[in-house]
Amino acid sequence: MLVAYNNCNLTIFPEGTSLSALEVAACKKPVIMADHQASLSRVKLGIGLTYKTGNIKDLEKKILMLIEDKNFYKKICESSYKAIRNHYTYEYISKKFINLCKKAIIKKRKYK
């Protein structure tokens, strides 16, 4: 599927929050997602854009922003890719999990 994402100009997930949106971002392509909580969290990290669910005018506005402003398009592509590299690599996820385990062990020791 990554080959397909590499060949697109942008991808829209209109009715949900798909893990595929992260694949799009990893390909340095912009993604537009419905404004579900998971999508909003991704945008806070720098991944893609959201639009108001069910609001076709808002979706149109976001598409036009990407089409008409090449600098904005490049910014979204770069920030999305950077966020993937910083928050969704196996190295990052492993370190985060190890830290959670350490905190759990310390907490358990406190209550003994």
C-alpha atoms as a PDB file:
ATOM      1  CA  MET A   1       0.000   0.000   0.000  1.00  0.00           C
ATOM      2  CA  LEU A   2       2.925   2.377   0.593  1.00  0.00           C
ATOM      3  CA  VAL A   3       3.567   2.458  -3.149  1.00  0.00           C
ATOM      4  CA  ALA A   4       0.047   3.789  -3.672  1.00  0.00           C
ATOM      5  CA  TYR A   5       0.549   6.482  -1.016  1.00  0.00           C
ATOM      6  CA  ASN A   6       3.845   7.551  -2.600  1.00  0.00           C
ATOM      7  CA  ASN A   7       1.989   8.150  -5.864  1.00  0.00           C
ATOM      8  CA  CYS A   8      -0.796  10.313  -4.422  1.00  0.00           C
ATOM      9  CA  ASN A   9      -0.882  14.048  -3.823  1.00  0.00           C
ATOM     10  CA  LEU A  10      -2.994  13.804  -0.671  1.00  0.00           C
ATOM     11  CA  THR A  11      -5.172  11.280   1.121  1.00  0.00           C
ATOM     12  CA  ILE A  12      -8.473  11.810   2.911  1.00  0.00           C
ATOM     13  CA  PHE A  13      -9.973   9.583   5.600  1.00  0.00           C
ATOM     14  CA  PRO A  14     -13.515  10.977   5.759  1.00  0.00           C
ATOM     15  CA  GLU A  15     -15.223   8.683   8.251  1.00  0.00           C
ATOM     16  CA  GLY A  16     -12.721   7.530  10.762  1.00  0.00           C
ATOM     17  CA  THR A  17      -9.221   7.486  12.054  1.00  0.00           C
ATOM     18  CA  SER A  18      -7.178   4.875  10.291  1.00  0.00           C
ATOM     19  CA  LEU A  19      -3.666   3.675  11.056  1.00  0.00           C
ATOM     20  CA  SER A  20      -3.184   4.081   7.326  1.00  0.00           C
ATOM     21  CA  ALA A  21      -3.067   7.826   7.969  1.00  0.00           C
ATOM     22  CA  LEU A  22       0.276   7.219   9.675  1.00  0.00           C
ATOM     23  CA  GLU A  23       1.501   5.335   6.614  1.00  0.00           C
ATOM     24  CA  VAL A  24       0.556   8.301   4.439  1.00  0.00           C
ATOM     25  CA  ALA A  25       2.509  10.634   6.729  1.00  0.00           C
ATOM     26  CA  ALA A  26       5.494   8.278   6.657  1.00  0.00           C
ATOM     27  CA  CYS A  27       5.506   8.690   2.869  1.00  0.00           C
ATOM     28  CA  LYS A  28       5.776  12.487   3.282  1.00  0.00           C
ATOM     29  CA  LYS A  29       2.269  12.976   1.924  1.00  0.00           C
ATOM     30  CA  PRO A  30      -0.470  15.112   3.475  1.00  0.00           C
ATOM     31  CA  VAL A  31      -3.424  13.455   5.099  1.00  0.00           C
ATOM     32  CA  ILE A  32      -6.807  14.943   5.955  1.00  0.00           C
ATOM     33  CA  MET A  33      -8.745  13.136   8.692  1.00  0.00           C
ATOM     34  CA  ALA A  34     -12.153  13.479  10.299  1.00  0.00           C
ATOM     35  CA  ASP A  35     -11.887  15.338  13.610  1.00  0.00           C
ATOM     36  CA  HIS A  36     -12.076  12.323  15.899  1.00  0.00           C
ATOM     37  CA  GLN A  37     -10.020  12.379  19.099  1.00  0.00           C
ATOM     38  CA  ALA A  38      -7.229  10.178  17.708  1.00  0.00           C
ATOM     39  CA  SER A  39      -6.935  12.437  14.656  1.00  0.00           C
ATOM     40  CA  LEU A  40      -6.819  15.557  16.818  1.00  0.00           C
ATOM     41  CA  SER A  41      -4.013  13.972  18.836  1.00  0.00           C
ATOM     42  CA  ARG A  42      -2.108  13.261  15.638  1.00  0.00           C
ATOM     43  CA  VAL A  43      -2.506  16.851  14.477  1.00  0.00           C
ATOM     44  CA  LYS A  44      -1.064  18.046  17.811  1.00  0.00           C
ATOM     45  CA  LEU A  45       2.044  16.003  16.985  1.00  0.00           C
ATOM     46  CA  GLY A  46       2.205  17.605  13.540  1.00  0.00           C
ATOM     47  CA  ILE A  47       0.524  14.913  11.461  1.00  0.00           C
ATOM     48  CA  GLY A  48      -1.883  16.123   8.782  1.00  0.00           C
ATOM     49  CA  LEU A  49      -5.059  18.152   9.082  1.00  0.00           C
ATOM     50  CA  THR A  50      -8.543  17.515  10.382  1.00  0.00           C
ATOM     51  CA  TYR A  51     -11.877  18.763   9.179  1.00  0.00           C
ATOM     52  CA  LYS A  52     -15.209  18.934  10.974  1.00  0.00           C
ATOM     53  CA  THR A  53     -16.891  15.562  10.525  1.00  0.00           C
ATOM     54  CA  GLY A  54     -19.757  15.804   8.080  1.00  0.00           C
ATOM     55  CA  ASN A  55     -18.898  19.358   7.046  1.00  0.00           C
ATOM     56  CA  ILE A  56     -18.148  19.166   3.327  1.00  0.00           C
ATOM     57  CA  LYS A  57     -17.339  22.901   3.153  1.00  0.00           C
ATOM     58  CA  ASP A  58     -14.657  22.519   5.813  1.00  0.00           C
ATOM     59  CA  LEU A  59     -13.225  19.520   3.951  1.00  0.00           C
ATOM     60  CA  GLU A  60     -13.226  21.552   0.727  1.00  0.00           C
ATOM     61  CA  LYS A  61     -11.393  24.383   2.519  1.00  0.00           C
ATOM     62  CA  LYS A  62      -8.664  22.023   3.757  1.00  0.00           C
ATOM     63  CA  ILE A  63      -8.218  20.462   0.311  1.00  0.00           C
ATOM     64  CA  LEU A  64      -7.944  23.896  -1.311  1.00  0.00           C
ATOM     65  CA  MET A  65      -5.400  25.016   1.294  1.00  0.00           C
ATOM     66  CA  LEU A  66      -3.152  22.144   0.263  1.00  0.00           C
ATOM     67  CA  ILE A  67      -3.713  22.557  -3.466  1.00  0.00           C
ATOM     68  CA  GLU A  68      -3.355  26.330  -3.635  1.00  0.00           C
ATOM     69  CA  ASP A  69      -0.489  26.927  -1.186  1.00  0.00           C
ATOM     70  CA  LYS A  70       2.630  24.938  -2.135  1.00  0.00           C
ATOM     71  CA  ASN A  71       4.540  26.166   0.929  1.00  0.00           C
ATOM     72  CA  PHE A  72       1.739  25.010   3.231  1.00  0.00           C
ATOM     73  CA  TYR A  73       1.653  21.675   1.378  1.00  0.00           C
ATOM     74  CA  LYS A  74       5.405  21.195   1.906  1.00  0.00           C
ATOM     75  CA  LYS A  75       5.126  22.240   5.562  1.00  0.00           C
ATOM     76  CA  ILE A  76       2.398  19.658   6.231  1.00  0.00           C
ATOM     77  CA  CYS A  77       4.386  16.944   4.443  1.00  0.00           C
ATOM     78  CA  GLU A  78       7.558  17.687   6.403  1.00  0.00           C
ATOM     79  CA  SER A  79       5.893  18.090   9.807  1.00  0.00           C
ATOM     80  CA  SER A  80       3.926  14.865   9.300  1.00  0.00           C
ATOM     81  CA  TYR A  81       7.043  12.926   8.374  1.00  0.00           C
ATOM     82  CA  LYS A  82       8.994  14.409  11.290  1.00  0.00           C
ATOM     83  CA  ALA A  83       6.216  13.474  13.728  1.00  0.00           C
ATOM     84  CA  ILE A  84       6.239   9.891  12.453  1.00  0.00           C
ATOM     85  CA  ARG A  85      10.014   9.697  12.895  1.00  0.00           C
ATOM     86  CA  ASN A  86       9.783  11.180  16.396  1.00  0.00           C
ATOM     87  CA  HIS A  87       6.738   9.342  17.763  1.00  0.00           C
ATOM     88  CA  TYR A  88       6.029   6.154  15.835  1.00  0.00           C
ATOM     89  CA  THR A  89       9.342   4.365  15.319  1.00  0.00           C
ATOM     90  CA  TYR A  90       9.993   1.064  17.053  1.00  0.00           C
ATOM     91  CA  GLU A  91      12.854   2.716  18.922  1.00  0.00           C
ATOM     92  CA  TYR A  92      10.604   5.456  20.318  1.00  0.00           C
ATOM     93  CA  ILE A  93       7.794   3.075  21.221  1.00  0.00           C
ATOM     94  CA  SER A  94      10.240   0.659  22.898  1.00  0.00           C
ATOM     95  CA  LYS A  95      11.800   3.422  24.984  1.00  0.00           C
ATOM     96  CA  LYS A  96       8.392   4.665  26.024  1.00  0.00           C
ATOM     97  CA  PHE A  97       7.326   1.136  27.039  1.00  0.00           C
ATOM     98  CA  ILE A  98      10.538   0.573  29.026  1.00  0.00           C
ATOM     99  CA  ASN A  99       9.962   3.845  30.895  1.00  0.00           C
ATOM    100  CA  LEU A 100       6.388   2.804  31.711  1.00  0.00           C
ATOM    101  CA  CYS A 101       7.685  -0.525  33.055  1.00  0.00           C
ATOM    102  CA  LYS A 102      10.286   1.255  35.194  1.00  0.00           C
ATOM    103  CA  LYS A 103       7.612   3.566  36.627  1.00  0.00           C
ATOM    104  CA  ALA A 104       5.396   0.576  37.433  1.00  0.00           C
ATOM    105  CA  ILE A 105       8.259  -1.178  39.236  1.00  0.00           C
ATOM    106  CA  ILE A 106       9.117   1.934  41.254  1.00  0.00           C
ATOM    107  CA  LYS A 107       5.460   2.440  42.149  1.00  0.00           C
ATOM    108  CA  LYS A 108       5.125  -1.184  43.242  1.00  0.00           C
ATOM    109  CA  ARG A 109       8.231  -0.899  45.445  1.00  0.00           C
ATOM    110  CA  LYS A 110       6.798   2.192  47.162  1.00  0.00           C
ATOM    111  CA  TYR A 111       3.684   0.310  48.248  1.00  0.00           C
ATOM    112  CA  LYS A 112       5.465  -2.728  49.698  1.00  0.00           C
END
